[in-house]
Amino acid sequence: MTQSTTSSLDLTVSRIIKAPRATVWAAWTTPSQLEQWWVPAPASSRVVDLELIPGGSFVTEISDDGIEFGPHIDGCFLAVDALERLVFTTALVGGWRPATQPFVTASITFADHPEGTEYTALAMHKDAADAAQHQDLGFYDGWGTVTRQLAEFTER
């Protein structure tokens, strides 16, 4: 897996996933599949809303014990380009409504690769302080872990 920053505002993880692009896309766009890998194990995730259209709601919850769930992502899709790209932000919630605590805009890209799918997750922040905070919170460990879990899920 490659880890890099494209500027002081961006954090990136990428990986070649040895599965067809359609399989990786489905793992991202099917709620029951997304729940299988979306948060670092042993935590679990629940998809509350996954409205795959620009302006559509993207809401997930997280649980450490599988019983009590709390907020994880409350955002809005900005772009949904089938099999190619998903862009979501926490600056907005569904219906283009402003969010109370904006933090990140993420662009997830899927490209054909001779070994399967080139997968890239780019997290963009409004300022260097938010990017540094995200990195300090464990961006590379967290997003790296879920990218590995996505690969394991889709490569089966």
N, C-alpha and C. Protein backbone atom coordinates (compact mmCIF):
# COMPACT_ATOMS: atom_id res chain seq x y z
N MET A 1 0.84 -1.16 0.00
CA MET A 1 0.00 0.00 0.00
C MET A 1 0.88 1.23 0.00
N THR A 2 0.50 2.21 -0.77
CA THR A 2 1.24 3.46 -0.86
C THR A 2 0.57 4.49 0.05
N GLN A 3 1.39 5.23 0.78
CA GLN A 3 0.89 6.31 1.63
C GLN A 3 1.61 7.58 1.23
N SER A 4 0.85 8.63 1.01
CA SER A 4 1.50 9.88 0.63
C SER A 4 0.59 11.06 0.93
N THR A 5 1.14 12.24 0.80
CA THR A 5 0.35 13.46 0.83
C THR A 5 0.60 14.17 -0.48
N THR A 6 -0.45 14.76 -1.03
CA THR A 6 -0.29 15.50 -2.28
C THR A 6 -0.08 16.98 -2.01
N SER A 7 -0.41 17.43 -0.82
CA SER A 7 -0.14 18.79 -0.37
C SER A 7 -0.25 18.77 1.14
N SER A 8 -0.06 19.89 1.76
CA SER A 8 -0.19 19.95 3.22
C SER A 8 -1.63 19.75 3.66
N LEU A 9 -2.57 19.73 2.72
CA LEU A 9 -3.98 19.59 3.04
C LEU A 9 -4.54 18.20 2.77
N ASP A 10 -3.76 17.34 2.12
CA ASP A 10 -4.27 16.06 1.64
C ASP A 10 -3.52 14.88 2.24
N LEU A 11 -4.25 13.81 2.47
CA LEU A 11 -3.69 12.53 2.89
C LEU A 11 -4.22 11.46 1.94
N THR A 12 -3.38 10.51 1.57
CA THR A 12 -3.75 9.53 0.56
C THR A 12 -3.28 8.13 0.95
N VAL A 13 -4.14 7.16 0.68
CA VAL A 13 -3.72 5.76 0.70
C VAL A 13 -4.15 5.14 -0.63
N SER A 14 -3.32 4.26 -1.14
CA SER A 14 -3.67 3.56 -2.37
C SER A 14 -3.15 2.14 -2.31
N ARG A 15 -3.77 1.29 -3.09
CA ARG A 15 -3.42 -0.13 -3.07
C ARG A 15 -3.94 -0.78 -4.35
N ILE A 16 -3.21 -1.76 -4.81
CA ILE A 16 -3.71 -2.60 -5.89
C ILE A 16 -4.49 -3.72 -5.21
N ILE A 17 -5.75 -3.80 -5.55
CA ILE A 17 -6.63 -4.84 -5.00
C ILE A 17 -6.81 -5.89 -6.08
N LYS A 18 -6.53 -7.12 -5.73
CA LYS A 18 -6.57 -8.21 -6.71
C LYS A 18 -7.99 -8.75 -6.86
N ALA A 19 -8.84 -7.86 -7.33
CA ALA A 19 -10.25 -8.17 -7.60
C ALA A 19 -10.71 -7.24 -8.70
N PRO A 20 -11.71 -7.67 -9.47
CA PRO A 20 -12.23 -6.81 -10.54
C PRO A 20 -12.79 -5.50 -9.98
N ARG A 21 -12.69 -4.47 -10.77
CA ARG A 21 -13.17 -3.16 -10.36
C ARG A 21 -14.64 -3.21 -9.97
N ALA A 22 -15.47 -3.95 -10.69
CA ALA A 22 -16.89 -4.04 -10.36
C ALA A 22 -17.11 -4.64 -8.97
N THR A 23 -16.26 -5.57 -8.58
CA THR A 23 -16.36 -6.19 -7.26
C THR A 23 -16.01 -5.19 -6.17
N VAL A 24 -14.95 -4.42 -6.39
CA VAL A 24 -14.53 -3.41 -5.41
C VAL A 24 -15.58 -2.31 -5.32
N TRP A 25 -16.11 -1.89 -6.46
CA TRP A 25 -17.17 -0.89 -6.49
C TRP A 25 -18.38 -1.38 -5.70
N ALA A 26 -18.79 -2.63 -5.92
CA ALA A 26 -19.95 -3.18 -5.21
C ALA A 26 -19.72 -3.21 -3.71
N ALA A 27 -18.48 -3.47 -3.28
CA ALA A 27 -18.18 -3.48 -1.85
C ALA A 27 -18.36 -2.10 -1.24
N TRP A 28 -18.17 -1.07 -2.03
CA TRP A 28 -18.35 0.30 -1.56
C TRP A 28 -19.81 0.74 -1.64
N THR A 29 -20.57 0.22 -2.58
CA THR A 29 -21.90 0.76 -2.88
C THR A 29 -23.06 -0.12 -2.46
N THR A 30 -22.78 -1.24 -1.83
CA THR A 30 -23.82 -2.13 -1.32
C THR A 30 -23.75 -2.09 0.21
N PRO A 31 -24.78 -1.57 0.86
CA PRO A 31 -24.69 -1.38 2.31
C PRO A 31 -24.24 -2.62 3.09
N SER A 32 -24.78 -3.78 2.79
CA SER A 32 -24.39 -4.98 3.54
C SER A 32 -22.93 -5.35 3.32
N GLN A 33 -22.38 -5.00 2.18
CA GLN A 33 -20.95 -5.24 1.94
C GLN A 33 -20.10 -4.17 2.61
N LEU A 34 -20.49 -2.91 2.50
CA LEU A 34 -19.74 -1.82 3.11
C LEU A 34 -19.60 -2.05 4.62
N GLU A 35 -20.63 -2.54 5.25
CA GLU A 35 -20.59 -2.81 6.69
C GLU A 35 -19.54 -3.84 7.08
N GLN A 36 -19.13 -4.69 6.14
CA GLN A 36 -18.19 -5.77 6.43
C GLN A 36 -16.75 -5.29 6.59
N TRP A 37 -16.42 -4.12 6.05
CA TRP A 37 -15.01 -3.70 6.04
C TRP A 37 -14.79 -2.22 6.37
N TRP A 38 -15.81 -1.42 6.53
CA TRP A 38 -15.72 0.04 6.56
C TRP A 38 -15.04 0.63 7.77
N VAL A 39 -14.97 -0.06 8.88
CA VAL A 39 -14.26 0.45 10.06
C VAL A 39 -13.23 -0.59 10.50
N PRO A 40 -12.15 -0.15 11.14
CA PRO A 40 -11.11 -1.10 11.56
C PRO A 40 -11.65 -2.14 12.55
N ALA A 41 -11.47 -3.41 12.23
CA ALA A 41 -11.86 -4.49 13.14
C ALA A 41 -11.02 -4.36 14.40
N PRO A 42 -11.57 -4.70 15.53
CA PRO A 42 -12.81 -5.45 15.75
C PRO A 42 -14.06 -4.59 15.84
N ALA A 43 -13.97 -3.28 15.65
CA ALA A 43 -15.16 -2.44 15.65
C ALA A 43 -16.07 -2.88 14.50
N SER A 44 -17.34 -2.54 14.60
CA SER A 44 -18.28 -2.86 13.53
C SER A 44 -18.99 -1.59 13.08
N SER A 45 -19.56 -1.68 11.89
CA SER A 45 -20.18 -0.53 11.26
C SER A 45 -21.61 -0.86 10.87
N ARG A 46 -22.42 0.17 10.86
CA ARG A 46 -23.80 0.03 10.38
C ARG A 46 -24.04 1.17 9.39
N VAL A 47 -24.57 0.83 8.22
CA VAL A 47 -24.93 1.83 7.22
C VAL A 47 -26.35 2.29 7.50
N VAL A 48 -26.50 3.57 7.78
CA VAL A 48 -27.81 4.15 8.06
C VAL A 48 -28.43 4.64 6.77
N ASP A 49 -27.62 5.26 5.91
CA ASP A 49 -28.11 5.79 4.64
C ASP A 49 -26.97 5.82 3.64
N LEU A 50 -27.24 5.33 2.45
CA LEU A 50 -26.25 5.31 1.37
C LEU A 50 -26.99 5.64 0.08
N GLU A 51 -27.24 6.92 -0.12
CA GLU A 51 -27.99 7.40 -1.28
C GLU A 51 -26.99 7.83 -2.35
N LEU A 52 -26.73 6.94 -3.29
CA LEU A 52 -25.64 7.10 -4.25
C LEU A 52 -26.00 8.00 -5.43
N ILE A 53 -26.25 9.26 -5.09
CA ILE A 53 -26.47 10.30 -6.10
C ILE A 53 -25.83 11.58 -5.57
N PRO A 54 -25.43 12.50 -6.44
CA PRO A 54 -24.92 13.78 -5.95
C PRO A 54 -25.99 14.45 -5.07
N GLY A 55 -25.58 14.83 -3.87
CA GLY A 55 -26.52 15.39 -2.90
C GLY A 55 -27.11 14.34 -1.99
N GLY A 56 -26.82 13.08 -2.28
CA GLY A 56 -27.36 11.97 -1.49
C GLY A 56 -26.64 11.83 -0.15
N SER A 57 -27.37 11.33 0.80
CA SER A 57 -26.87 11.17 2.15
C SER A 57 -25.94 9.96 2.27
N PHE A 58 -24.88 10.11 3.07
CA PHE A 58 -23.95 9.04 3.40
C PHE A 58 -23.78 9.06 4.91
N VAL A 59 -24.45 8.14 5.59
CA VAL A 59 -24.43 8.10 7.05
C VAL A 59 -24.08 6.69 7.51
N THR A 60 -23.02 6.60 8.34
CA THR A 60 -22.67 5.33 8.95
C THR A 60 -22.48 5.54 10.44
N GLU A 61 -22.60 4.43 11.17
CA GLU A 61 -22.38 4.43 12.61
C GLU A 61 -21.32 3.39 12.93
N ILE A 62 -20.69 3.52 14.10
CA ILE A 62 -19.62 2.64 14.52
C ILE A 62 -19.92 2.11 15.92
N SER A 63 -19.46 0.88 16.18
CA SER A 63 -19.65 0.27 17.49
C SER A 63 -18.41 -0.51 17.87
N ASP A 64 -18.02 -0.38 19.12
CA ASP A 64 -16.91 -1.18 19.63
C ASP A 64 -17.38 -2.54 20.12
N ASP A 65 -18.67 -2.64 20.52
CA ASP A 65 -19.17 -3.89 21.08
C ASP A 65 -20.23 -4.58 20.23
N GLY A 66 -20.61 -3.97 19.10
CA GLY A 66 -21.63 -4.55 18.22
C GLY A 66 -23.05 -4.35 18.73
N ILE A 67 -23.19 -3.64 19.84
CA ILE A 67 -24.52 -3.42 20.42
C ILE A 67 -24.86 -1.94 20.40
N GLU A 68 -24.01 -1.14 21.02
CA GLU A 68 -24.21 0.31 21.07
C GLU A 68 -23.49 0.96 19.88
N PHE A 69 -24.25 1.63 19.01
CA PHE A 69 -23.68 2.30 17.86
C PHE A 69 -23.73 3.81 18.06
N GLY A 70 -22.69 4.48 17.57
CA GLY A 70 -22.64 5.94 17.64
C GLY A 70 -22.24 6.52 16.30
N PRO A 71 -22.23 7.84 16.19
CA PRO A 71 -21.92 8.49 14.92
C PRO A 71 -20.53 8.12 14.39
N HIS A 72 -20.45 8.01 13.08
CA HIS A 72 -19.18 7.78 12.40
C HIS A 72 -19.03 8.79 11.26
N ILE A 73 -19.79 8.60 10.19
CA ILE A 73 -19.79 9.52 9.05
C ILE A 73 -21.20 10.07 8.88
N ASP A 74 -21.31 11.36 8.75
CA ASP A 74 -22.58 12.00 8.40
C ASP A 74 -22.22 12.99 7.30
N GLY A 75 -22.45 12.56 6.07
CA GLY A 75 -22.00 13.37 4.95
C GLY A 75 -22.93 13.34 3.77
N CYS A 76 -22.38 13.79 2.67
CA CYS A 76 -23.14 13.97 1.43
C CYS A 76 -22.26 13.58 0.25
N PHE A 77 -22.81 12.84 -0.68
CA PHE A 77 -22.07 12.52 -1.90
C PHE A 77 -22.06 13.75 -2.82
N LEU A 78 -20.88 14.06 -3.33
CA LEU A 78 -20.73 15.15 -4.29
C LEU A 78 -20.70 14.60 -5.71
N ALA A 79 -20.10 13.42 -5.88
CA ALA A 79 -20.00 12.79 -7.20
C ALA A 79 -20.11 11.28 -7.03
N VAL A 80 -20.83 10.68 -7.96
CA VAL A 80 -20.96 9.22 -8.01
C VAL A 80 -20.83 8.85 -9.48
N ASP A 81 -19.63 8.46 -9.88
CA ASP A 81 -19.35 8.08 -11.26
C ASP A 81 -19.15 6.57 -11.27
N ALA A 82 -20.17 5.85 -11.72
CA ALA A 82 -20.20 4.39 -11.62
C ALA A 82 -18.88 3.75 -12.03
N LEU A 83 -18.38 2.90 -11.15
CA LEU A 83 -17.16 2.10 -11.34
C LEU A 83 -15.88 2.92 -11.39
N GLU A 84 -15.97 4.25 -11.23
CA GLU A 84 -14.78 5.10 -11.36
C GLU A 84 -14.46 5.93 -10.13
N ARG A 85 -15.50 6.58 -9.53
CA ARG A 85 -15.19 7.54 -8.49
C ARG A 85 -16.40 7.79 -7.59
N LEU A 86 -16.11 7.89 -6.30
CA LEU A 86 -17.07 8.37 -5.31
C LEU A 86 -16.42 9.54 -4.59
N VAL A 87 -17.14 10.64 -4.46
CA VAL A 87 -16.64 11.77 -3.70
C VAL A 87 -17.72 12.11 -2.66
N PHE A 88 -17.28 12.16 -1.39
CA PHE A 88 -18.21 12.56 -0.34
C PHE A 88 -17.54 13.57 0.56
N THR A 89 -18.37 14.31 1.28
CA THR A 89 -17.86 15.33 2.18
C THR A 89 -18.65 15.31 3.48
N THR A 90 -17.98 15.72 4.55
CA THR A 90 -18.69 15.93 5.81
C THR A 90 -18.98 17.42 6.01
N ALA A 91 -18.69 18.23 4.99
CA ALA A 91 -19.04 19.66 5.04
C ALA A 91 -20.52 19.86 4.77
N LEU A 92 -21.14 18.85 4.15
CA LEU A 92 -22.56 18.87 3.84
C LEU A 92 -23.17 17.56 4.31
N VAL A 93 -24.46 17.57 4.56
CA VAL A 93 -25.20 16.34 4.79
C VAL A 93 -26.17 16.18 3.62
N GLY A 94 -26.90 15.08 3.60
CA GLY A 94 -27.82 14.83 2.49
C GLY A 94 -28.68 16.02 2.15
N GLY A 95 -28.96 16.17 0.86
CA GLY A 95 -29.77 17.29 0.39
C GLY A 95 -29.01 18.59 0.30
N TRP A 96 -27.68 18.50 0.33
CA TRP A 96 -26.81 19.66 0.22
C TRP A 96 -26.90 20.61 1.42
N ARG A 97 -27.41 20.12 2.55
CA ARG A 97 -27.52 20.96 3.74
C ARG A 97 -26.16 21.13 4.40
N PRO A 98 -25.81 22.31 4.90
CA PRO A 98 -24.54 22.50 5.60
C PRO A 98 -24.45 21.63 6.85
N ALA A 99 -23.28 21.07 7.08
CA ALA A 99 -23.04 20.24 8.26
C ALA A 99 -22.60 21.12 9.42
N THR A 100 -22.80 20.62 10.63
CA THR A 100 -22.40 21.39 11.80
C THR A 100 -20.91 21.32 12.05
N GLN A 101 -20.27 20.20 11.68
CA GLN A 101 -18.83 20.06 11.93
C GLN A 101 -18.12 19.50 10.70
N PRO A 102 -17.88 20.33 9.69
CA PRO A 102 -17.17 19.85 8.50
C PRO A 102 -15.74 19.46 8.85
N PHE A 103 -15.26 18.40 8.20
CA PHE A 103 -13.89 17.98 8.49
C PHE A 103 -13.13 17.51 7.25
N VAL A 104 -13.78 16.73 6.39
CA VAL A 104 -13.03 16.11 5.30
C VAL A 104 -13.92 15.98 4.06
N THR A 105 -13.26 16.05 2.92
CA THR A 105 -13.87 15.65 1.65
C THR A 105 -12.99 14.53 1.12
N ALA A 106 -13.61 13.42 0.76
CA ALA A 106 -12.85 12.26 0.31
C ALA A 106 -13.21 11.91 -1.13
N SER A 107 -12.18 11.60 -1.89
CA SER A 107 -12.35 11.14 -3.26
C SER A 107 -11.79 9.72 -3.33
N ILE A 108 -12.66 8.79 -3.67
CA ILE A 108 -12.29 7.39 -3.78
C ILE A 108 -12.32 7.03 -5.26
N THR A 109 -11.17 6.58 -5.79
CA THR A 109 -11.13 6.25 -7.22
C THR A 109 -10.81 4.78 -7.43
N PHE A 110 -11.36 4.26 -8.52
CA PHE A 110 -11.23 2.86 -8.90
C PHE A 110 -10.78 2.84 -10.35
N ALA A 111 -9.66 2.19 -10.63
CA ALA A 111 -9.16 2.12 -12.01
C ALA A 111 -8.72 0.69 -12.30
N ASP A 112 -8.89 0.30 -13.56
CA ASP A 112 -8.41 -1.02 -13.95
C ASP A 112 -6.90 -1.07 -13.81
N HIS A 113 -6.42 -2.24 -13.42
CA HIS A 113 -4.99 -2.50 -13.27
C HIS A 113 -4.76 -3.94 -13.73
N PRO A 114 -3.62 -4.26 -14.30
CA PRO A 114 -3.37 -5.63 -14.76
C PRO A 114 -3.61 -6.70 -13.68
N GLU A 115 -3.44 -6.32 -12.41
CA GLU A 115 -3.65 -7.28 -11.32
C GLU A 115 -5.03 -7.17 -10.69
N GLY A 116 -5.86 -6.24 -11.15
CA GLY A 116 -7.19 -6.08 -10.57
C GLY A 116 -7.64 -4.64 -10.62
N THR A 117 -7.63 -3.98 -9.45
CA THR A 117 -8.13 -2.61 -9.34
C THR A 117 -7.11 -1.73 -8.62
N GLU A 118 -6.82 -0.59 -9.22
CA GLU A 118 -6.02 0.41 -8.52
C GLU A 118 -7.00 1.26 -7.72
N TYR A 119 -6.87 1.21 -6.41
CA TYR A 119 -7.78 1.86 -5.48
C TYR A 119 -7.04 3.00 -4.78
N THR A 120 -7.62 4.19 -4.80
CA THR A 120 -7.01 5.33 -4.14
C THR A 120 -8.06 6.06 -3.33
N ALA A 121 -7.71 6.36 -2.08
CA ALA A 121 -8.56 7.16 -1.21
C ALA A 121 -7.79 8.42 -0.85
N LEU A 122 -8.33 9.55 -1.24
CA LEU A 122 -7.72 10.86 -1.00
C LEU A 122 -8.61 11.62 -0.02
N ALA A 123 -8.06 12.01 1.11
CA ALA A 123 -8.78 12.80 2.10
C ALA A 123 -8.27 14.23 2.04
N MET A 124 -9.17 15.16 1.72
CA MET A 124 -8.81 16.57 1.56
C MET A 124 -9.39 17.36 2.74
N HIS A 125 -8.60 18.30 3.23
CA HIS A 125 -8.98 19.08 4.41
C HIS A 125 -8.95 20.57 4.11
N LYS A 126 -9.70 21.34 4.89
CA LYS A 126 -9.82 22.77 4.62
C LYS A 126 -8.55 23.54 4.96
N ASP A 127 -7.76 22.99 5.91
CA ASP A 127 -6.53 23.68 6.28
C ASP A 127 -5.51 22.66 6.80
N ALA A 128 -4.29 23.11 6.94
CA ALA A 128 -3.21 22.23 7.38
C ALA A 128 -3.45 21.69 8.78
N ALA A 129 -4.11 22.47 9.63
CA ALA A 129 -4.39 22.01 11.00
C ALA A 129 -5.32 20.80 10.99
N ASP A 130 -6.36 20.83 10.15
CA ASP A 130 -7.27 19.67 10.07
C ASP A 130 -6.55 18.46 9.49
N ALA A 131 -5.72 18.68 8.48
CA ALA A 131 -4.96 17.56 7.90
C ALA A 131 -4.02 16.96 8.94
N ALA A 132 -3.35 17.80 9.71
CA ALA A 132 -2.44 17.31 10.76
C ALA A 132 -3.22 16.59 11.84
N GLN A 133 -4.38 17.11 12.20
CA GLN A 133 -5.22 16.45 13.20
C GLN A 133 -5.64 15.07 12.71
N HIS A 134 -6.06 14.98 11.44
CA HIS A 134 -6.49 13.70 10.88
C HIS A 134 -5.32 12.70 10.87
N GLN A 135 -4.14 13.19 10.52
CA GLN A 135 -2.96 12.33 10.53
C GLN A 135 -2.65 11.89 11.97
N ASP A 136 -2.72 12.81 12.92
CA ASP A 136 -2.45 12.48 14.32
C ASP A 136 -3.48 11.53 14.90
N LEU A 137 -4.72 11.60 14.41
CA LEU A 137 -5.77 10.68 14.86
C LEU A 137 -5.57 9.27 14.31
N GLY A 138 -4.60 9.11 13.41
CA GLY A 138 -4.30 7.78 12.89
C GLY A 138 -4.82 7.52 11.49
N PHE A 139 -4.82 8.55 10.65
CA PHE A 139 -5.32 8.39 9.28
C PHE A 139 -4.71 7.17 8.60
N TYR A 140 -3.39 7.08 8.58
CA TYR A 140 -2.76 6.00 7.82
C TYR A 140 -3.05 4.64 8.42
N ASP A 141 -3.09 4.54 9.73
CA ASP A 141 -3.46 3.27 10.35
C ASP A 141 -4.92 2.94 10.08
N GLY A 142 -5.80 3.92 10.30
CA GLY A 142 -7.23 3.68 10.14
C GLY A 142 -7.65 3.44 8.70
N TRP A 143 -7.34 4.40 7.82
CA TRP A 143 -7.73 4.25 6.42
C TRP A 143 -6.92 3.14 5.76
N GLY A 144 -5.68 2.95 6.21
CA GLY A 144 -4.88 1.83 5.71
C GLY A 144 -5.49 0.50 6.09
N THR A 145 -5.97 0.40 7.33
CA THR A 145 -6.60 -0.83 7.80
C THR A 145 -7.87 -1.12 7.02
N VAL A 146 -8.73 -0.12 6.82
CA VAL A 146 -9.97 -0.40 6.10
C VAL A 146 -9.69 -0.69 4.63
N THR A 147 -8.64 -0.11 4.07
CA THR A 147 -8.27 -0.44 2.69
C THR A 147 -7.80 -1.89 2.61
N ARG A 148 -7.02 -2.33 3.59
CA ARG A 148 -6.61 -3.74 3.65
C ARG A 148 -7.83 -4.64 3.82
N GLN A 149 -8.75 -4.25 4.70
CA GLN A 149 -9.96 -5.04 4.92
C GLN A 149 -10.81 -5.11 3.65
N LEU A 150 -10.89 -3.99 2.91
CA LEU A 150 -11.60 -3.98 1.63
C LEU A 150 -10.95 -4.96 0.67
N ALA A 151 -9.62 -4.94 0.60
CA ALA A 151 -8.91 -5.88 -0.28
C ALA A 151 -9.20 -7.33 0.12
N GLU A 152 -9.09 -7.62 1.41
CA GLU A 152 -9.35 -8.99 1.87
C GLU A 152 -10.79 -9.40 1.56
N PHE A 153 -11.73 -8.49 1.77
CA PHE A 153 -13.15 -8.78 1.51
C PHE A 153 -13.40 -9.07 0.03
N THR A 154 -12.82 -8.27 -0.85
CA THR A 154 -13.11 -8.42 -2.28
C THR A 154 -12.24 -9.47 -2.97
N GLU A 155 -11.12 -9.81 -2.36
CA GLU A 155 -10.23 -10.81 -2.98
C GLU A 155 -10.66 -12.24 -2.67
N ARG A 156 -11.64 -12.41 -1.79
CA ARG A 156 -12.11 -13.77 -1.47
C ARG A 156 -12.82 -14.39 -2.63
